[in-house]
Amino acid sequence: MSLLGLSEYQALPPLEPEYPTIPKSATLAFLISLILPGIGQVYAKRQTAGWVTLAFFTLFFLASIGALIQGKTAAMGASVFCAAALYIFGFLDAYFAALEYNQGISSYLIGGNPRIACILNFLTNGIGYFYLGDRGKGLVMFVGFAILRQAFLRVTGNNHWFNDLWIILQAVLAYDAYRVARKRLLESFPQLANHSWRAATDGQLTPAVPISLAIVLALPVIGLVGLGGLAQSATGIRITASDVQSTPQGIAYTNKDLGVKLLLPDGWQISQPAEDTMINAHKVDQDGECKILLLRNFSWRSPEGFQKAMERQIAKQPGFSVYGHTNGTLGSLPAVLMRVGVGTQVTEQIATTKIGMAVYTLIEINHNNDDSCASELDRIRNSFTAKR
């Protein structure tokens, strides 16, 4: 079949293996790759695949560390996910590459390795088909999935369940690429259908060992996808879920998604919040200005650790100083309180509590250190409630 004028794969006639004079140890290739992904493939005479695996594994590993330092949870999760996938691919491909080398078929797998096609499709949504020579199919899948992803993102608003579904679609593409490549391998070497390629040779590990390890290591990777969804749900704030109503007690703010409620005194105004901010509200009178910011973040840290990190950032800003830490409450929840001075006219109090992996931080700002402002800020902090 031809698509858009791009050439497709042409089947090869059955080929005869070219047995090496010095075989490679599949066990050694497997063990080397456990230490450093890619080197086992190089040992098994799969140099290009090995060096590329090592390069990209290192790239994603360093990217995950950089994202962790910068606090970019989504980027860290994506980088760790790709690095883990390449690590698993590395030791699987090294083990089977050594077996294939010993069976004399290694040189015939260039451009048709089932495992390379599988990992390419899993990480890129279609590039594995290009690798197999099905450029028409690869182009359709790559472009089609990119369009489909954008369409789903517009509809779902980047809901974390969409990411879980997308992983399943990637796995389906990966399996299809492996199936196609494996079928072609048996077309060229029909004797492999009942060959000892699947069983251990003398002194070698059975394929069950690397395959079982791959399954065991894949489980935390799957958990990472769920963690990414948890992180997104812990930080994501839908403005459309917010509701503001005037009541006899004051201005009631509610976020229906998160079960967050806050009661503001009359005279307060709520402004459009930033991306990670739930509430940005203030009150201006002749004595000064009162202001609050309510933030919601995802963090492994305890409230104490979270505030310590905030303190380090505050210390870098000119004119800011931290001069008090106490234990207190945010609504009915136990919280850590930190007092911050900005020059001589502004006082901030930062209250931090944690529910699950979600960290809530209420920043209270009192210009001119007004007593009535301080009283209203206390009322707002005590009115805080959130769904556990």
Protein backbone atom coordinates (compact mmCIF):
# COMPACT_ATOMS: atom_id res chain seq x y z
CA MET A 1 0.00 0.00 0.00
CA SER A 2 1.20 3.49 -0.76
CA LEU A 3 0.02 6.60 1.05
CA LEU A 4 0.83 10.19 0.03
CA GLY A 5 3.49 8.85 -2.29
CA LEU A 6 5.57 7.49 0.59
CA SER A 7 7.12 4.08 0.13
CA GLU A 8 6.08 1.19 2.36
CA TYR A 9 7.85 -1.85 3.75
CA GLN A 10 8.70 -4.59 1.27
CA ALA A 11 8.91 -8.13 2.63
CA LEU A 12 12.24 -9.92 2.34
CA PRO A 13 12.61 -13.57 1.32
CA PRO A 14 13.58 -16.08 4.04
CA LEU A 15 17.17 -15.52 5.15
CA GLU A 16 19.84 -17.80 6.55
CA PRO A 17 21.36 -16.91 9.94
CA GLU A 18 25.00 -15.86 10.16
CA TYR A 19 26.28 -17.51 13.31
CA PRO A 20 29.14 -15.71 15.15
CA THR A 21 32.33 -17.47 16.09
CA ILE A 22 32.35 -15.97 19.61
CA PRO A 23 28.91 -15.82 21.26
CA LYS A 24 27.77 -13.14 23.70
CA SER A 25 26.46 -13.72 27.20
CA ALA A 26 22.82 -12.66 27.47
CA THR A 27 23.16 -12.73 31.27
CA LEU A 28 26.11 -10.33 31.19
CA ALA A 29 24.36 -8.01 28.73
CA PHE A 30 21.34 -7.94 31.06
CA LEU A 31 23.41 -7.23 34.19
CA ILE A 32 25.47 -4.49 32.53
CA SER A 33 22.31 -2.69 31.44
CA LEU A 34 20.97 -2.81 34.99
CA ILE A 35 23.97 -0.70 36.01
CA LEU A 36 23.98 1.65 33.03
CA PRO A 37 21.24 1.45 30.38
CA GLY A 38 22.61 1.13 26.85
CA ILE A 39 25.99 -0.39 27.62
CA GLY A 40 24.58 -3.92 27.58
CA GLN A 41 23.29 -3.31 24.07
CA VAL A 42 26.70 -2.06 22.99
CA TYR A 43 28.24 -5.26 24.39
CA ALA A 44 25.70 -7.31 22.39
CA LYS A 45 26.82 -5.59 19.16
CA ARG A 46 23.79 -3.27 19.06
CA GLN A 47 25.97 -0.15 19.24
CA THR A 48 23.68 2.49 17.75
CA ALA A 49 20.68 1.46 19.84
CA GLY A 50 22.87 1.26 22.93
CA TRP A 51 24.45 4.70 22.66
CA VAL A 52 21.12 6.33 21.77
CA THR A 53 19.45 4.64 24.75
CA LEU A 54 22.21 5.85 27.07
CA ALA A 55 22.07 9.40 25.71
CA PHE A 56 18.31 9.80 26.04
CA PHE A 57 18.17 8.06 29.43
CA THR A 58 20.82 10.47 30.73
CA LEU A 59 18.96 13.43 29.22
CA PHE A 60 15.65 12.52 30.85
CA PHE A 61 17.35 11.66 34.15
CA LEU A 62 19.05 15.06 34.33
CA ALA A 63 15.83 16.79 33.24
CA SER A 64 13.95 15.12 36.10
CA ILE A 65 16.52 16.36 38.61
CA GLY A 66 16.32 19.88 37.20
CA ALA A 67 12.52 19.82 37.34
CA LEU A 68 12.62 18.56 40.93
CA ILE A 69 14.95 21.40 41.97
CA GLN A 70 12.70 23.95 40.28
CA GLY A 71 9.53 22.43 41.74
CA LYS A 72 8.02 21.66 38.33
CA THR A 73 5.99 18.58 39.24
CA ALA A 74 4.50 17.88 35.81
CA ALA A 75 7.86 18.14 34.02
CA MET A 76 9.52 15.95 36.65
CA GLY A 77 6.83 13.27 36.27
CA ALA A 78 7.13 13.23 32.48
CA SER A 79 10.94 13.04 32.63
CA VAL A 80 10.96 10.24 35.21
CA PHE A 81 8.35 8.35 33.19
CA CYS A 82 10.47 8.51 29.99
CA ALA A 83 13.69 7.64 31.86
CA ALA A 84 12.02 4.62 33.50
CA ALA A 85 10.65 3.42 30.15
CA LEU A 86 14.12 3.66 28.58
CA TYR A 87 15.71 1.88 31.55
CA ILE A 88 13.33 -1.07 31.19
CA PHE A 89 13.82 -1.09 27.42
CA GLY A 90 17.60 -1.02 27.89
CA PHE A 91 17.96 -4.25 29.85
CA LEU A 92 15.28 -6.08 27.86
CA ASP A 93 16.83 -5.18 24.52
CA ALA A 94 20.34 -6.00 25.77
CA TYR A 95 19.29 -9.48 26.91
CA PHE A 96 17.45 -10.40 23.72
CA ALA A 97 20.04 -8.68 21.51
CA ALA A 98 22.68 -11.07 22.86
CA LEU A 99 20.44 -14.06 22.11
CA GLU A 100 19.76 -12.75 18.60
CA TYR A 101 23.47 -12.20 18.04
CA ASN A 102 24.19 -15.79 19.06
CA GLN A 103 21.43 -17.03 16.71
CA GLY A 104 23.04 -15.18 13.81
CA ILE A 105 20.15 -12.82 13.08
CA SER A 106 21.37 -9.63 14.77
CA SER A 107 22.52 -7.93 11.57
CA TYR A 108 19.15 -8.55 9.91
CA LEU A 109 17.27 -6.68 12.64
CA ILE A 110 18.59 -3.26 11.66
CA GLY A 111 15.46 -1.24 10.93
CA GLY A 112 13.22 -4.06 12.16
CA ASN A 113 13.89 -4.64 15.86
CA PRO A 114 10.50 -5.31 17.51
CA ARG A 115 11.58 -3.76 20.81
CA ILE A 116 12.90 -0.55 19.24
CA ALA A 117 9.68 -0.19 17.25
CA CYS A 118 7.75 -0.75 20.47
CA ILE A 119 9.57 1.88 22.56
CA LEU A 120 9.50 4.43 19.73
CA ASN A 121 5.73 4.11 19.36
CA PHE A 122 5.24 4.19 23.12
CA LEU A 123 7.14 7.46 23.55
CA THR A 124 6.31 9.22 20.27
CA ASN A 125 2.90 8.01 19.00
CA GLY A 126 3.90 6.66 15.61
CA ILE A 127 7.65 7.09 14.99
CA GLY A 128 8.04 3.35 15.44
CA TYR A 129 6.21 2.85 12.14
CA PHE A 130 8.72 5.16 10.42
CA TYR A 131 11.49 3.01 11.87
CA LEU A 132 9.84 -0.11 10.38
CA GLY A 133 9.55 1.52 6.96
CA ASP A 134 5.79 2.15 7.16
CA ARG A 135 6.20 5.89 6.66
CA GLY A 136 2.65 6.42 5.47
CA LYS A 137 1.19 4.74 8.52
CA GLY A 138 3.64 6.51 10.78
CA LEU A 139 2.76 9.93 9.35
CA VAL A 140 -0.97 9.31 9.73
CA MET A 141 -0.58 8.11 13.33
CA PHE A 142 1.84 10.84 14.39
CA VAL A 143 -0.18 13.73 12.93
CA GLY A 144 -3.55 12.16 13.74
CA PHE A 145 -2.71 11.54 17.37
CA ALA A 146 -1.33 15.08 17.75
CA ILE A 147 -4.63 16.50 16.43
CA LEU A 148 -6.65 14.07 18.57
CA ARG A 149 -4.70 15.01 21.69
CA GLN A 150 -5.30 18.72 21.19
CA ALA A 151 -8.99 18.09 20.57
CA PHE A 152 -9.33 16.05 23.76
CA LEU A 153 -7.42 18.67 25.76
CA ARG A 154 -9.86 21.34 24.63
CA VAL A 155 -12.82 19.21 25.68
CA THR A 156 -11.48 17.82 28.95
CA GLY A 157 -9.50 20.85 30.08
CA ASN A 158 -6.42 18.64 30.70
CA ASN A 159 -8.22 16.43 33.19
CA HIS A 160 -5.78 13.94 34.73
CA TRP A 161 -7.96 11.02 33.63
CA PHE A 162 -7.16 12.00 30.06
CA ASN A 163 -3.46 11.37 30.74
CA ASP A 164 -4.27 7.87 32.01
CA LEU A 165 -6.27 7.17 28.85
CA TRP A 166 -3.46 8.48 26.69
CA ILE A 167 -0.98 6.08 28.29
CA ILE A 168 -3.30 3.21 27.33
CA LEU A 169 -3.42 4.45 23.72
CA GLN A 170 0.38 4.68 23.66
CA ALA A 171 0.62 1.11 24.96
CA VAL A 172 -1.73 -0.08 22.20
CA LEU A 173 0.44 1.63 19.57
CA ALA A 174 3.56 0.11 21.14
CA TYR A 175 2.07 -3.39 21.05
CA ASP A 176 1.00 -2.98 17.42
CA ALA A 177 4.51 -1.93 16.38
CA TYR A 178 5.99 -4.91 18.24
CA ARG A 179 3.45 -7.25 16.61
CA VAL A 180 4.21 -5.98 13.12
CA ALA A 181 7.98 -6.20 13.59
CA ARG A 182 7.78 -9.66 15.16
CA LYS A 183 5.62 -10.93 12.29
CA ARG A 184 8.16 -9.67 9.77
CA LEU A 185 10.99 -11.30 11.71
CA LEU A 186 9.26 -14.68 11.46
CA GLU A 187 8.65 -14.09 7.73
CA SER A 188 12.40 -13.75 7.21
CA PHE A 189 13.32 -16.47 9.71
CA PRO A 190 10.38 -18.92 9.90
CA GLN A 191 12.58 -21.38 11.79
CA LEU A 192 12.44 -19.02 14.82
CA ALA A 193 8.77 -19.87 15.43
CA ASN A 194 9.84 -23.10 17.15
CA HIS A 195 13.40 -22.09 17.93
CA SER A 196 15.24 -22.12 21.23
CA TRP A 197 15.40 -18.32 20.94
CA ARG A 198 12.67 -18.13 23.62
CA ALA A 199 14.39 -20.50 26.01
CA ALA A 200 17.59 -20.22 27.96
CA THR A 201 20.77 -21.66 26.55
CA ASP A 202 23.40 -23.31 28.74
CA GLY A 203 24.53 -21.00 31.52
CA GLN A 204 22.09 -18.20 30.60
CA LEU A 205 19.18 -16.68 32.43
CA THR A 206 15.75 -17.62 31.19
CA PRO A 207 13.77 -14.84 29.48
CA ALA A 208 11.40 -14.97 32.46
CA VAL A 209 13.97 -13.12 34.62
CA PRO A 210 14.31 -9.85 32.62
CA ILE A 211 10.63 -9.95 31.63
CA SER A 212 9.53 -10.37 35.27
CA LEU A 213 11.82 -7.56 36.37
CA ALA A 214 10.38 -5.34 33.66
CA ILE A 215 6.87 -6.00 34.95
CA VAL A 216 7.91 -5.31 38.55
CA LEU A 217 9.57 -2.02 37.59
CA ALA A 218 6.66 -1.02 35.36
CA LEU A 219 4.25 -1.02 38.30
CA PRO A 220 5.84 2.06 39.96
CA VAL A 221 5.87 3.73 36.52
CA ILE A 222 2.13 3.13 36.28
CA GLY A 223 1.86 4.51 39.81
CA LEU A 224 3.76 7.58 38.61
CA VAL A 225 0.97 8.25 36.12
CA GLY A 226 -1.51 8.14 38.98
CA LEU A 227 0.76 10.41 41.01
CA GLY A 228 0.80 12.86 38.13
CA GLY A 229 -2.98 12.86 38.19
CA LEU A 230 -2.91 13.36 41.96
CA ALA A 231 -0.49 16.24 41.59
CA GLN A 232 -2.66 17.83 38.96
CA SER A 233 -5.79 17.43 41.08
CA ALA A 234 -3.91 18.90 44.03
CA THR A 235 -2.88 22.01 42.12
CA GLY A 236 -5.57 22.42 39.50
CA ILE A 237 -8.13 25.11 40.35
CA ARG A 238 -11.14 25.65 38.14
CA ILE A 239 -12.31 29.23 38.33
CA THR A 240 -15.73 28.13 37.06
CA ALA A 241 -16.12 25.99 40.19
CA SER A 242 -15.92 29.10 42.39
CA ASP A 243 -19.04 30.75 43.73
CA VAL A 244 -19.32 34.09 45.55
CA GLN A 245 -22.49 35.11 47.35
CA SER A 246 -23.46 37.91 49.69
CA THR A 247 -24.88 36.64 53.01
CA PRO A 248 -25.93 38.29 56.28
CA GLN A 249 -22.61 37.14 57.75
CA GLY A 250 -20.52 38.58 54.92
CA ILE A 251 -19.25 37.51 51.48
CA ALA A 252 -19.17 33.72 51.20
CA TYR A 253 -16.64 32.18 48.83
CA THR A 254 -17.02 28.49 47.87
CA ASN A 255 -15.10 26.23 45.52
CA LYS A 256 -17.41 23.31 44.79
CA ASP A 257 -14.69 21.06 43.37
CA LEU A 258 -12.48 21.26 46.43
CA GLY A 259 -15.02 21.92 49.17
CA VAL A 260 -13.17 25.08 50.16
CA LYS A 261 -15.15 27.79 51.95
CA LEU A 262 -14.11 31.19 53.22
CA LEU A 263 -16.14 34.03 54.69
CA LEU A 264 -15.03 37.60 53.97
CA PRO A 265 -16.38 40.63 55.88
CA ASP A 266 -18.56 43.12 54.05
CA GLY A 267 -16.62 45.66 52.01
CA TRP A 268 -14.08 43.19 50.69
CA GLN A 269 -13.54 42.80 46.95
CA ILE A 270 -12.44 39.61 45.17
CA SER A 271 -10.10 40.08 42.19
CA GLN A 272 -9.29 37.71 39.34
CA PRO A 273 -6.82 35.19 40.83
CA ALA A 274 -3.63 33.92 39.22
CA GLU A 275 -3.31 30.32 38.00
CA ASP A 276 -2.31 28.76 41.34
CA THR A 277 -4.34 31.17 43.48
CA MET A 278 -7.82 30.36 44.74
CA ILE A 279 -8.68 33.75 46.18
CA ASN A 280 -7.19 37.21 45.75
CA ALA A 281 -9.24 39.62 47.87
CA HIS A 282 -8.67 43.00 49.50
CA LYS A 283 -10.30 45.86 51.37
CA VAL A 284 -9.23 49.51 51.17
CA ASP A 285 -10.27 52.15 53.71
CA GLN A 286 -8.88 55.36 55.14
CA ASP A 287 -6.64 53.52 57.60
CA GLY A 288 -4.88 51.31 55.09
CA GLU A 289 -5.33 48.17 53.05
CA CYS A 290 -6.10 44.58 54.03
CA LYS A 291 -5.41 41.78 51.59
CA ILE A 292 -5.46 37.97 51.45
CA LEU A 293 -4.18 35.40 49.02
CA LEU A 294 -5.21 31.74 49.29
CA LEU A 295 -2.89 29.35 47.43
CA ARG A 296 -3.16 25.61 46.78
CA ASN A 297 -0.09 23.56 45.84
CA PHE A 298 1.03 19.94 45.54
CA SER A 299 3.94 19.03 47.80
CA TRP A 300 5.55 16.11 49.58
CA ARG A 301 6.71 18.48 52.29
CA SER A 302 5.06 18.95 55.65
CA PRO A 303 3.60 22.40 56.38
CA GLU A 304 6.78 23.16 58.34
CA GLY A 305 9.00 22.11 55.44
CA PHE A 306 6.85 24.02 52.97
CA GLN A 307 7.17 27.21 55.01
CA LYS A 308 10.93 26.73 55.40
CA ALA A 309 11.17 26.68 51.60
CA MET A 310 9.04 29.85 51.45
CA GLU A 311 11.29 31.48 54.04
CA ARG A 312 14.36 30.85 51.90
CA GLN A 313 12.64 32.57 48.98
CA ILE A 314 11.50 35.48 51.15
CA ALA A 315 15.03 36.00 52.48
CA LYS A 316 16.21 36.72 48.93
CA GLN A 317 13.84 39.69 48.53
CA PRO A 318 15.12 43.09 49.68
CA GLY A 319 13.19 44.61 52.57
CA PHE A 320 11.54 41.33 53.63
CA SER A 321 12.33 39.67 56.94
CA VAL A 322 10.89 36.73 58.84
CA TYR A 323 10.57 37.34 62.56
CA GLY A 324 8.34 34.66 64.01
CA HIS A 325 7.15 31.05 63.72
CA THR A 326 4.27 29.65 65.75
CA ASN A 327 1.79 26.81 65.66
CA GLY A 328 -1.83 27.76 65.08
CA THR A 329 -4.84 26.88 63.01
CA LEU A 330 -6.27 27.58 59.58
CA GLY A 331 -9.96 27.22 60.24
CA SER A 332 -10.18 24.07 62.38
CA LEU A 333 -7.07 22.53 60.83
CA PRO A 334 -3.67 22.59 62.54
CA ALA A 335 -1.35 24.99 60.75
CA VAL A 336 2.07 26.58 60.90
CA LEU A 337 2.12 30.40 61.11
CA MET A 338 4.97 32.60 59.92
CA ARG A 339 5.12 36.37 60.38
CA VAL A 340 6.89 38.48 57.77
CA GLY A 341 7.77 42.15 57.84
CA VAL A 342 8.06 44.32 54.73
CA GLY A 343 9.77 47.54 55.71
CA THR A 344 7.99 49.20 58.63
CA GLN A 345 4.52 49.66 57.16
CA VAL A 346 3.46 46.16 56.08
CA THR A 347 3.03 42.97 58.09
CA GLU A 348 2.24 39.60 56.58
CA GLN A 349 1.14 36.43 58.30
CA ILE A 350 1.37 33.18 56.37
CA ALA A 351 -0.69 30.20 57.56
CA THR A 352 -0.01 26.78 56.00
CA THR A 353 -1.89 23.51 56.44
CA LYS A 354 -2.06 20.26 54.49
CA ILE A 355 -4.86 17.92 53.37
CA GLY A 356 -3.58 14.80 51.61
CA MET A 357 -1.00 16.05 49.11
CA ALA A 358 -2.63 19.49 48.84
CA VAL A 359 -0.99 22.33 50.73
CA TYR A 360 -3.18 25.36 51.52
CA THR A 361 -1.46 28.64 52.26
CA LEU A 362 -3.31 31.76 53.40
CA ILE A 363 -1.25 34.94 53.10
CA GLU A 364 -2.64 37.83 55.18
CA ILE A 365 -1.32 41.31 54.39
CA ASN A 366 -1.86 44.27 56.73
CA HIS A 367 -0.74 47.66 55.43
CA ASN A 368 -0.05 50.26 58.17
CA ASN A 369 -0.49 47.53 60.82
CA ASP A 370 -4.12 48.51 61.38
CA ASP A 371 -5.91 46.84 64.32
CA SER A 372 -9.27 46.57 62.55
CA CYS A 373 -7.54 44.93 59.58
CA ALA A 374 -5.84 42.44 61.89
CA SER A 375 -9.22 41.57 63.43
CA GLU A 376 -10.82 40.96 60.05
CA LEU A 377 -7.88 38.86 58.90
CA ASP A 378 -8.29 36.68 61.98
CA ARG A 379 -12.00 36.20 61.18
CA ILE A 380 -11.19 35.20 57.61
CA ARG A 381 -8.53 32.71 58.70
CA ASN A 382 -10.86 31.13 61.26
CA SER A 383 -13.64 30.73 58.68
CA PHE A 384 -11.56 28.50 56.39
CA THR A 385 -12.89 25.00 55.71
CA ALA A 386 -11.82 22.43 53.10
CA LYS A 387 -12.86 18.91 52.12
CA ARG A 388 -10.62 16.28 53.68
